[in-house]
Amino acid sequence: MAHFFADENVFTTTVRLLRDLGLQVQRAQELGLTGADDPTIFRKAQELQAVLVTNDHGFGDVRVYPPSAHHGIILLKMEPDPTKVEAVHWVLKGLL
């Protein structure tokens, strides 16, 4: 089973959804990484051998984060609008 590492900008409701799906998820906040920069977050995800879940669009640059250099990145494009959160969660459930 894949392990997931949620960046601090991932909504609590999204982390709860992942956990409710039976997935193992650690949050940046739980590991004392609140406010950590992108390279630190990326390194931690690799250290954990985890798929990084983030709202940070910088992680979508494949020139900086080529697919061969990590265990996966799920880039969420959502705002704190309940209808958008629901739509993204629906897609996320289908993906996982």
PDB file of N, CA and C in Angstrom:
ATOM      1  N   MET A   1       0.844  -1.178   0.000  1.00  0.00           N
ATOM      2  CA  MET A   1       0.000   0.000   0.000  1.00  0.00           C
ATOM      3  C   MET A   1       0.891   1.243   0.000  1.00  0.00           C
ATOM      4  N   ALA A   2       0.498   2.199  -0.789  1.00  0.00           N
ATOM      5  CA  ALA A   2       1.260   3.448  -0.873  1.00  0.00           C
ATOM      6  C   ALA A   2       1.104   4.250   0.415  1.00  0.00           C
ATOM      7  N   HIS A   3       2.121   4.982   0.706  1.00  0.00           N
ATOM      8  CA  HIS A   3       2.138   5.886   1.852  1.00  0.00           C
ATOM      9  C   HIS A   3       2.041   7.302   1.285  1.00  0.00           C
ATOM     10  N   PHE A   4       1.334   8.184   1.981  1.00  0.00           N
ATOM     11  CA  PHE A   4       1.135   9.545   1.507  1.00  0.00           C
ATOM     12  C   PHE A   4       1.666  10.546   2.526  1.00  0.00           C
ATOM     13  N   PHE A   5       2.216  11.633   2.011  1.00  0.00           N
ATOM     14  CA  PHE A   5       2.720  12.724   2.840  1.00  0.00           C
ATOM     15  C   PHE A   5       2.021  13.996   2.392  1.00  0.00           C
ATOM     16  N   ALA A   6       1.226  14.589   3.289  1.00  0.00           N
ATOM     17  CA  ALA A   6       0.440  15.777   2.962  1.00  0.00           C
ATOM     18  C   ALA A   6       1.189  17.040   3.361  1.00  0.00           C
ATOM     19  N   ASP A   7       1.408  17.896   2.390  1.00  0.00           N
ATOM     20  CA  ASP A   7       2.012  19.203   2.622  1.00  0.00           C
ATOM     21  C   ASP A   7       1.080  19.988   3.554  1.00  0.00           C
ATOM     22  N   GLU A   8       1.610  20.991   4.221  1.00  0.00           N
ATOM     23  CA  GLU A   8       0.797  21.740   5.189  1.00  0.00           C
ATOM     24  C   GLU A   8      -0.377  22.475   4.558  1.00  0.00           C
ATOM     25  N   ASN A   9      -0.347  22.694   3.244  1.00  0.00           N
ATOM     26  CA  ASN A   9      -1.420  23.432   2.591  1.00  0.00           C
ATOM     27  C   ASN A   9      -2.581  22.544   2.142  1.00  0.00           C
ATOM     28  N   VAL A  10      -2.514  21.269   2.455  1.00  0.00           N
ATOM     29  CA  VAL A  10      -3.607  20.353   2.115  1.00  0.00           C
ATOM     30  C   VAL A  10      -4.687  20.483   3.189  1.00  0.00           C
ATOM     31  N   PHE A  11      -5.915  20.672   2.751  1.00  0.00           N
ATOM     32  CA  PHE A  11      -7.023  20.863   3.681  1.00  0.00           C
ATOM     33  C   PHE A  11      -7.183  19.657   4.603  1.00  0.00           C
ATOM     34  N   THR A  12      -7.580  19.923   5.824  1.00  0.00           N
ATOM     35  CA  THR A  12      -7.837  18.862   6.797  1.00  0.00           C
ATOM     36  C   THR A  12      -8.894  17.899   6.273  1.00  0.00           C
ATOM     37  N   THR A  13      -9.892  18.417   5.560  1.00  0.00           N
ATOM     38  CA  THR A  13     -10.938  17.542   5.019  1.00  0.00           C
ATOM     39  C   THR A  13     -10.366  16.572   3.983  1.00  0.00           C
ATOM     40  N   THR A  14      -9.348  16.992   3.253  1.00  0.00           N
ATOM     41  CA  THR A  14      -8.715  16.112   2.272  1.00  0.00           C
ATOM     42  C   THR A  14      -7.909  15.034   2.969  1.00  0.00           C
ATOM     43  N   VAL A  15      -7.185  15.396   4.008  1.00  0.00           N
ATOM     44  CA  VAL A  15      -6.425  14.404   4.778  1.00  0.00           C
ATOM     45  C   VAL A  15      -7.398  13.396   5.394  1.00  0.00           C
ATOM     46  N   ARG A  16      -8.503  13.884   5.925  1.00  0.00           N
ATOM     47  CA  ARG A  16      -9.515  13.007   6.517  1.00  0.00           C
ATOM     48  C   ARG A  16     -10.068  12.048   5.463  1.00  0.00           C
ATOM     49  N   LEU A  17     -10.328  12.562   4.250  1.00  0.00           N
ATOM     50  CA  LEU A  17     -10.821  11.713   3.162  1.00  0.00           C
ATOM     51  C   LEU A  17      -9.830  10.592   2.878  1.00  0.00           C
ATOM     52  N   LEU A  18      -8.564  10.928   2.746  1.00  0.00           N
ATOM     53  CA  LEU A  18      -7.545   9.921   2.459  1.00  0.00           C
ATOM     54  C   LEU A  18      -7.491   8.864   3.557  1.00  0.00           C
ATOM     55  N   ARG A  19      -7.536   9.308   4.786  1.00  0.00           N
ATOM     56  CA  ARG A  19      -7.512   8.372   5.916  1.00  0.00           C
ATOM     57  C   ARG A  19      -8.777   7.525   5.957  1.00  0.00           C
ATOM     58  N   ASP A  20      -9.921   8.127   5.633  1.00  0.00           N
ATOM     59  CA  ASP A  20     -11.180   7.379   5.596  1.00  0.00           C
ATOM     60  C   ASP A  20     -11.163   6.312   4.502  1.00  0.00           C
ATOM     61  N   LEU A  21     -10.363   6.534   3.476  1.00  0.00           N
ATOM     62  CA  LEU A  21     -10.205   5.543   2.406  1.00  0.00           C
ATOM     63  C   LEU A  21      -9.241   4.422   2.830  1.00  0.00           C
ATOM     64  N   GLY A  22      -8.733   4.525   4.049  1.00  0.00           N
ATOM     65  CA  GLY A  22      -7.837   3.495   4.571  1.00  0.00           C
ATOM     66  C   GLY A  22      -6.377   3.705   4.223  1.00  0.00           C
ATOM     67  N   LEU A  23      -6.043   4.910   3.766  1.00  0.00           N
ATOM     68  CA  LEU A  23      -4.668   5.191   3.365  1.00  0.00           C
ATOM     69  C   LEU A  23      -3.853   5.726   4.537  1.00  0.00           C
ATOM     70  N   GLN A  24      -2.578   5.417   4.516  1.00  0.00           N
ATOM     71  CA  GLN A  24      -1.656   5.910   5.550  1.00  0.00           C
ATOM     72  C   GLN A  24      -1.171   7.288   5.116  1.00  0.00           C
ATOM     73  N   VAL A  25      -1.495   8.306   5.917  1.00  0.00           N
ATOM     74  CA  VAL A  25      -1.153   9.691   5.579  1.00  0.00           C
ATOM     75  C   VAL A  25      -0.476  10.350   6.772  1.00  0.00           C
ATOM     76  N   GLN A  26       0.666  10.950   6.519  1.00  0.00           N
ATOM     77  CA  GLN A  26       1.318  11.783   7.517  1.00  0.00           C
ATOM     78  C   GLN A  26       1.257  13.213   7.013  1.00  0.00           C
ATOM     79  N   ARG A  27       1.078  14.149   7.940  1.00  0.00           N
ATOM     80  CA  ARG A  27       1.000  15.563   7.575  1.00  0.00           C
ATOM     81  C   ARG A  27       2.306  16.257   7.951  1.00  0.00           C
ATOM     82  N   ALA A  28       2.653  17.279   7.195  1.00  0.00           N
ATOM     83  CA  ALA A  28       3.849  18.064   7.499  1.00  0.00           C
ATOM     84  C   ALA A  28       3.780  18.602   8.924  1.00  0.00           C
ATOM     85  N   GLN A  29       2.605  19.056   9.339  1.00  0.00           N
ATOM     86  CA  GLN A  29       2.439  19.613  10.679  1.00  0.00           C
ATOM     87  C   GLN A  29       2.740  18.574  11.760  1.00  0.00           C
ATOM     88  N   GLU A  30       2.371  17.335  11.517  1.00  0.00           N
ATOM     89  CA  GLU A  30       2.584  16.271  12.494  1.00  0.00           C
ATOM     90  C   GLU A  30       4.058  15.935  12.659  1.00  0.00           C
ATOM     91  N   LEU A  31       4.843  16.286  11.666  1.00  0.00           N
ATOM     92  CA  LEU A  31       6.274  15.982  11.692  1.00  0.00           C
ATOM     93  C   LEU A  31       7.115  17.218  12.002  1.00  0.00           C
ATOM     94  N   GLY A  32       6.469  18.285  12.457  1.00  0.00           N
ATOM     95  CA  GLY A  32       7.193  19.502  12.820  1.00  0.00           C
ATOM     96  C   GLY A  32       7.700  20.287  11.630  1.00  0.00           C
ATOM     97  N   LEU A  33       7.048  20.147  10.479  1.00  0.00           N
ATOM     98  CA  LEU A  33       7.512  20.813   9.266  1.00  0.00           C
ATOM     99  C   LEU A  33       6.623  21.975   8.826  1.00  0.00           C
ATOM    100  N   THR A  34       5.879  22.539   9.758  1.00  0.00           N
ATOM    101  CA  THR A  34       5.073  23.717   9.431  1.00  0.00           C
ATOM    102  C   THR A  34       6.002  24.842   8.998  1.00  0.00           C
ATOM    103  N   GLY A  35       5.723  25.424   7.849  1.00  0.00           N
ATOM    104  CA  GLY A  35       6.540  26.523   7.342  1.00  0.00           C
ATOM    105  C   GLY A  35       7.790  26.081   6.601  1.00  0.00           C
ATOM    106  N   ALA A  36       7.982  24.776   6.441  1.00  0.00           N
ATOM    107  CA  ALA A  36       9.173  24.280   5.738  1.00  0.00           C
ATOM    108  C   ALA A  36       9.116  24.662   4.254  1.00  0.00           C
ATOM    109  N   ASP A  37      10.287  24.877   3.669  1.00  0.00           N
ATOM    110  CA  ASP A  37      10.348  25.235   2.256  1.00  0.00           C
ATOM    111  C   ASP A  37      10.132  23.995   1.379  1.00  0.00           C
ATOM    112  N   ASP A  38       9.911  24.227   0.092  1.00  0.00           N
ATOM    113  CA  ASP A  38       9.618  23.138  -0.836  1.00  0.00           C
ATOM    114  C   ASP A  38      10.703  22.062  -0.865  1.00  0.00           C
ATOM    115  N   PRO A  39      11.988  22.407  -0.942  1.00  0.00           N
ATOM    116  CA  PRO A  39      13.001  21.348  -0.953  1.00  0.00           C
ATOM    117  C   PRO A  39      12.954  20.456   0.289  1.00  0.00           C
ATOM    118  N   THR A  40      12.658  21.040   1.442  1.00  0.00           N
ATOM    119  CA  THR A  40      12.564  20.248   2.670  1.00  0.00           C
ATOM    120  C   THR A  40      11.359  19.316   2.616  1.00  0.00           C
ATOM    121  N   ILE A  41      10.234  19.817   2.149  1.00  0.00           N
ATOM    122  CA  ILE A  41       9.025  18.994   2.015  1.00  0.00           C
ATOM    123  C   ILE A  41       9.282  17.860   1.028  1.00  0.00           C
ATOM    124  N   PHE A  42       9.903  18.164  -0.084  1.00  0.00           N
ATOM    125  CA  PHE A  42      10.191  17.146  -1.094  1.00  0.00           C
ATOM    126  C   PHE A  42      11.123  16.074  -0.528  1.00  0.00           C
ATOM    127  N   ARG A  43      12.179  16.495   0.153  1.00  0.00           N
ATOM    128  CA  ARG A  43      13.128  15.528   0.748  1.00  0.00           C
ATOM    129  C   ARG A  43      12.421  14.619   1.756  1.00  0.00           C
ATOM    130  N   LYS A  44      11.536  15.192   2.575  1.00  0.00           N
ATOM    131  CA  LYS A  44      10.826  14.393   3.574  1.00  0.00           C
ATOM    132  C   LYS A  44       9.940  13.357   2.892  1.00  0.00           C
ATOM    133  N   ALA A  45       9.263  13.743   1.823  1.00  0.00           N
ATOM    134  CA  ALA A  45       8.431  12.782   1.092  1.00  0.00           C
ATOM    135  C   ALA A  45       9.281  11.628   0.562  1.00  0.00           C
ATOM    136  N   GLN A  46      10.475  11.947   0.060  1.00  0.00           N
ATOM    137  CA  GLN A  46      11.346  10.891  -0.459  1.00  0.00           C
ATOM    138  C   GLN A  46      11.884  10.019   0.674  1.00  0.00           C
ATOM    139  N   GLU A  47      12.223  10.646   1.796  1.00  0.00           N
ATOM    140  CA  GLU A  47      12.692   9.907   2.968  1.00  0.00           C
ATOM    141  C   GLU A  47      11.626   8.918   3.445  1.00  0.00           C
ATOM    142  N   LEU A  48      10.364   9.343   3.400  1.00  0.00           N
ATOM    143  CA  LEU A  48       9.250   8.495   3.816  1.00  0.00           C
ATOM    144  C   LEU A  48       8.822   7.509   2.727  1.00  0.00           C
ATOM    145  N   GLN A  49       9.405   7.646   1.538  1.00  0.00           N
ATOM    146  CA  GLN A  49       9.006   6.865   0.362  1.00  0.00           C
ATOM    147  C   GLN A  49       7.505   7.020   0.124  1.00  0.00           C
ATOM    148  N   ALA A  50       7.076   8.269   0.196  1.00  0.00           N
ATOM    149  CA  ALA A  50       5.658   8.584   0.135  1.00  0.00           C
ATOM    150  C   ALA A  50       5.301   9.398  -1.100  1.00  0.00           C
ATOM    151  N   VAL A  51       4.047   9.281  -1.488  1.00  0.00           N
ATOM    152  CA  VAL A  51       3.474  10.140  -2.522  1.00  0.00           C
ATOM    153  C   VAL A  51       3.171  11.476  -1.849  1.00  0.00           C
ATOM    154  N   LEU A  52       3.676  12.547  -2.417  1.00  0.00           N
ATOM    155  CA  LEU A  52       3.435  13.881  -1.885  1.00  0.00           C
ATOM    156  C   LEU A  52       2.081  14.387  -2.368  1.00  0.00           C
ATOM    157  N   VAL A  53       1.254  14.840  -1.437  1.00  0.00           N
ATOM    158  CA  VAL A  53      -0.033  15.448  -1.764  1.00  0.00           C
ATOM    159  C   VAL A  53       0.086  16.919  -1.384  1.00  0.00           C
ATOM    160  N   THR A  54      -0.189  17.810  -2.341  1.00  0.00           N
ATOM    161  CA  THR A  54       0.045  19.233  -2.108  1.00  0.00           C
ATOM    162  C   THR A  54      -0.887  20.096  -2.942  1.00  0.00           C
ATOM    163  N   ASN A  55      -1.072  21.318  -2.503  1.00  0.00           N
ATOM    164  CA  ASN A  55      -1.764  22.348  -3.285  1.00  0.00           C
ATOM    165  C   ASN A  55      -0.754  23.321  -3.900  1.00  0.00           C
ATOM    166  N   ASP A  56       0.512  23.110  -3.644  1.00  0.00           N
ATOM    167  CA  ASP A  56       1.577  24.006  -4.099  1.00  0.00           C
ATOM    168  C   ASP A  56       1.904  23.720  -5.568  1.00  0.00           C
ATOM    169  N   HIS A  57       1.520  24.630  -6.438  1.00  0.00           N
ATOM    170  CA  HIS A  57       1.689  24.419  -7.875  1.00  0.00           C
ATOM    171  C   HIS A  57       3.133  24.318  -8.311  1.00  0.00           C
ATOM    172  N   GLY A  58       4.064  24.779  -7.487  1.00  0.00           N
ATOM    173  CA  GLY A  58       5.479  24.651  -7.823  1.00  0.00           C
ATOM    174  C   GLY A  58       5.918  23.204  -7.988  1.00  0.00           C
ATOM    175  N   PHE A  59       5.243  22.290  -7.288  1.00  0.00           N
ATOM    176  CA  PHE A  59       5.586  20.873  -7.404  1.00  0.00           C
ATOM    177  C   PHE A  59       5.119  20.267  -8.727  1.00  0.00           C
ATOM    178  N   GLY A  60       4.368  21.022  -9.507  1.00  0.00           N
ATOM    179  CA  GLY A  60       3.909  20.542 -10.802  1.00  0.00           C
ATOM    180  C   GLY A  60       4.921  20.742 -11.916  1.00  0.00           C
ATOM    181  N   ASP A  61       6.050  21.367 -11.629  1.00  0.00           N
ATOM    182  CA  ASP A  61       7.073  21.610 -12.651  1.00  0.00           C
ATOM    183  C   ASP A  61       7.940  20.366 -12.807  1.00  0.00           C
ATOM    184  N   VAL A  62       7.711  19.613 -13.875  1.00  0.00           N
ATOM    185  CA  VAL A  62       8.448  18.354 -14.077  1.00  0.00           C
ATOM    186  C   VAL A  62       9.925  18.564 -14.388  1.00  0.00           C
ATOM    187  N   ARG A  63      10.304  19.796 -14.707  1.00  0.00           N
ATOM    188  CA  ARG A  63      11.733  20.063 -14.920  1.00  0.00           C
ATOM    189  C   ARG A  63      12.463  20.098 -13.586  1.00  0.00           C
ATOM    190  N   VAL A  64      11.770  20.529 -12.544  1.00  0.00           N
ATOM    191  CA  VAL A  64      12.347  20.595 -11.201  1.00  0.00           C
ATOM    192  C   VAL A  64      12.122  19.283 -10.460  1.00  0.00           C
ATOM    193  N   TYR A  65      10.955  18.688 -10.657  1.00  0.00           N
ATOM    194  CA  TYR A  65      10.571  17.447  -9.967  1.00  0.00           C
ATOM    195  C   TYR A  65      10.213  16.379 -11.004  1.00  0.00           C
ATOM    196  N   PRO A  66      11.223  15.857 -11.733  1.00  0.00           N
ATOM    197  CA  PRO A  66      10.928  14.855 -12.764  1.00  0.00           C
ATOM    198  C   PRO A  66      10.344  13.587 -12.132  1.00  0.00           C
ATOM    199  N   PRO A  67       9.412  12.941 -12.820  1.00  0.00           N
ATOM    200  CA  PRO A  67       8.767  11.752 -12.263  1.00  0.00           C
ATOM    201  C   PRO A  67       9.733  10.664 -11.801  1.00  0.00           C
ATOM    202  N   SER A  68      10.873  10.576 -12.404  1.00  0.00           N
ATOM    203  CA  SER A  68      11.849   9.543 -12.006  1.00  0.00           C
ATOM    204  C   SER A  68      12.535   9.865 -10.675  1.00  0.00           C
ATOM    205  N   ALA A  69      12.314  11.075 -10.136  1.00  0.00           N
ATOM    206  CA  ALA A  69      13.017  11.510  -8.927  1.00  0.00           C
ATOM    207  C   ALA A  69      12.181  11.385  -7.654  1.00  0.00           C
ATOM    208  N   HIS A  70      10.965  10.814  -7.755  1.00  0.00           N
ATOM    209  CA  HIS A  70      10.117  10.751  -6.562  1.00  0.00           C
ATOM    210  C   HIS A  70       9.157   9.577  -6.635  1.00  0.00           C
ATOM    211  N   HIS A  71       8.393   9.403  -5.580  1.00  0.00           N
ATOM    212  CA  HIS A  71       7.434   8.302  -5.466  1.00  0.00           C
ATOM    213  C   HIS A  71       6.042   8.714  -5.925  1.00  0.00           C
ATOM    214  N   GLY A  72       5.921   9.925  -6.402  1.00  0.00           N
ATOM    215  CA  GLY A  72       4.658  10.427  -6.909  1.00  0.00           C
ATOM    216  C   GLY A  72       4.292  11.750  -6.262  1.00  0.00           C
ATOM    217  N   ILE A  73       3.624  12.588  -7.037  1.00  0.00           N
ATOM    218  CA  ILE A  73       3.121  13.863  -6.541  1.00  0.00           C
ATOM    219  C   ILE A  73       1.683  14.000  -7.024  1.00  0.00           C
ATOM    220  N   ILE A  74       0.784  14.228  -6.078  1.00  0.00           N
ATOM    221  CA  ILE A  74      -0.600  14.536  -6.425  1.00  0.00           C
ATOM    222  C   ILE A  74      -0.774  16.021  -6.154  1.00  0.00           C
ATOM    223  N   LEU A  75      -0.943  16.767  -7.226  1.00  0.00           N
ATOM    224  CA  LEU A  75      -1.107  18.211  -7.134  1.00  0.00           C
ATOM    225  C   LEU A  75      -2.591  18.547  -7.186  1.00  0.00           C
ATOM    226  N   LEU A  76      -3.113  19.009  -6.076  1.00  0.00           N
ATOM    227  CA  LEU A  76      -4.519  19.370  -5.984  1.00  0.00           C
ATOM    228  C   LEU A  76      -4.697  20.816  -6.428  1.00  0.00           C
ATOM    229  N   LYS A  77      -5.671  21.057  -7.247  1.00  0.00           N
ATOM    230  CA  LYS A  77      -5.958  22.431  -7.672  1.00  0.00           C
ATOM    231  C   LYS A  77      -7.326  22.773  -7.117  1.00  0.00           C
ATOM    232  N   MET A  78      -7.312  23.244  -5.871  1.00  0.00           N
ATOM    233  CA  MET A  78      -8.581  23.551  -5.234  1.00  0.00           C
ATOM    234  C   MET A  78      -8.471  24.773  -4.358  1.00  0.00           C
ATOM    235  N   GLU A  79      -9.599  25.388  -4.171  1.00  0.00           N
ATOM    236  CA  GLU A  79      -9.710  26.569  -3.327  1.00  0.00           C
ATOM    237  C   GLU A  79     -10.648  26.215  -2.178  1.00  0.00           C
ATOM    238  N   PRO A  80     -10.705  27.052  -1.161  1.00  0.00           N
ATOM    239  CA  PRO A  80     -11.620  26.735  -0.070  1.00  0.00           C
ATOM    240  C   PRO A  80     -13.092  26.975  -0.415  1.00  0.00           C
ATOM    241  N   ASP A  81     -13.476  26.659  -1.624  1.00  0.00           N
ATOM    242  CA  ASP A  81     -14.859  26.744  -2.078  1.00  0.00           C
ATOM    243  C   ASP A  81     -15.440  25.327  -1.959  1.00  0.00           C
ATOM    244  N   PRO A  82     -16.476  25.127  -1.150  1.00  0.00           N
ATOM    245  CA  PRO A  82     -17.008  23.777  -0.922  1.00  0.00           C
ATOM    246  C   PRO A  82     -17.335  22.994  -2.186  1.00  0.00           C
ATOM    247  N   THR A  83     -17.830  23.665  -3.229  1.00  0.00           N
ATOM    248  CA  THR A  83     -18.156  22.928  -4.449  1.00  0.00           C
ATOM    249  C   THR A  83     -16.894  22.442  -5.157  1.00  0.00           C
ATOM    250  N   LYS A  84     -15.832  23.234  -5.110  1.00  0.00           N
ATOM    251  CA  LYS A  84     -14.575  22.811  -5.741  1.00  0.00           C
ATOM    252  C   LYS A  84     -13.919  21.709  -4.922  1.00  0.00           C
ATOM    253  N   VAL A  85     -13.986  21.810  -3.606  1.00  0.00           N
ATOM    254  CA  VAL A  85     -13.419  20.774  -2.750  1.00  0.00           C
ATOM    255  C   VAL A  85     -14.122  19.451  -3.028  1.00  0.00           C
ATOM    256  N   GLU A  86     -15.443  19.465  -3.102  1.00  0.00           N
ATOM    257  CA  GLU A  86     -16.199  18.245  -3.393  1.00  0.00           C
ATOM    258  C   GLU A  86     -15.798  17.659  -4.743  1.00  0.00           C
ATOM    259  N   ALA A  87     -15.660  18.498  -5.751  1.00  0.00           N
ATOM    260  CA  ALA A  87     -15.289  18.020  -7.082  1.00  0.00           C
ATOM    261  C   ALA A  87     -13.893  17.400  -7.073  1.00  0.00           C
ATOM    262  N   VAL A  88     -12.955  18.044  -6.422  1.00  0.00           N
ATOM    263  CA  VAL A  88     -11.599  17.507  -6.354  1.00  0.00           C
ATOM    264  C   VAL A  88     -11.589  16.206  -5.558  1.00  0.00           C
ATOM    265  N   HIS A  89     -12.340  16.143  -4.469  1.00  0.00           N
ATOM    266  CA  HIS A  89     -12.412  14.905  -3.681  1.00  0.00           C
ATOM    267  C   HIS A  89     -13.005  13.761  -4.506  1.00  0.00           C
ATOM    268  N   TRP A  90     -13.998  14.063  -5.329  1.00  0.00           N
ATOM    269  CA  TRP A  90     -14.603  13.050  -6.185  1.00  0.00           C
ATOM    270  C   TRP A  90     -13.557  12.479  -7.147  1.00  0.00           C
ATOM    271  N   VAL A  91     -12.762  13.354  -7.767  1.00  0.00           N
ATOM    272  CA  VAL A  91     -11.710  12.915  -8.687  1.00  0.00           C
ATOM    273  C   VAL A  91     -10.637  12.135  -7.919  1.00  0.00           C
ATOM    274  N   LEU A  92     -10.274  12.612  -6.752  1.00  0.00           N
ATOM    275  CA  LEU A  92      -9.256  11.959  -5.934  1.00  0.00           C
ATOM    276  C   LEU A  92      -9.686  10.545  -5.555  1.00  0.00           C
ATOM    277  N   LYS A  93     -10.944  10.378  -5.169  1.00  0.00           N
ATOM    278  CA  LYS A  93     -11.449   9.030  -4.841  1.00  0.00           C
ATOM    279  C   LYS A  93     -11.338   8.109  -6.039  1.00  0.00           C
ATOM    280  N   GLY A  94     -11.672   8.610  -7.216  1.00  0.00           N
ATOM    281  CA  GLY A  94     -11.566   7.804  -8.427  1.00  0.00           C
ATOM    282  C   GLY A  94     -10.136   7.428  -8.753  1.00  0.00           C
ATOM    283  N   LEU A  95      -9.225   8.337  -8.503  1.00  0.00           N
ATOM    284  CA  LEU A  95      -7.813   8.095  -8.766  1.00  0.00           C
ATOM    285  C   LEU A  95      -7.254   7.027  -7.838  1.00  0.00           C
ATOM    286  N   LEU A  96      -7.660   7.094  -6.577  1.00  0.00           N
ATOM    287  CA  LEU A  96      -7.096   6.189  -5.584  1.00  0.00           C
ATOM    288  C   LEU A  96      -7.908   4.919  -5.443  1.00  0.00           C
TER     289      LEU A  96
END
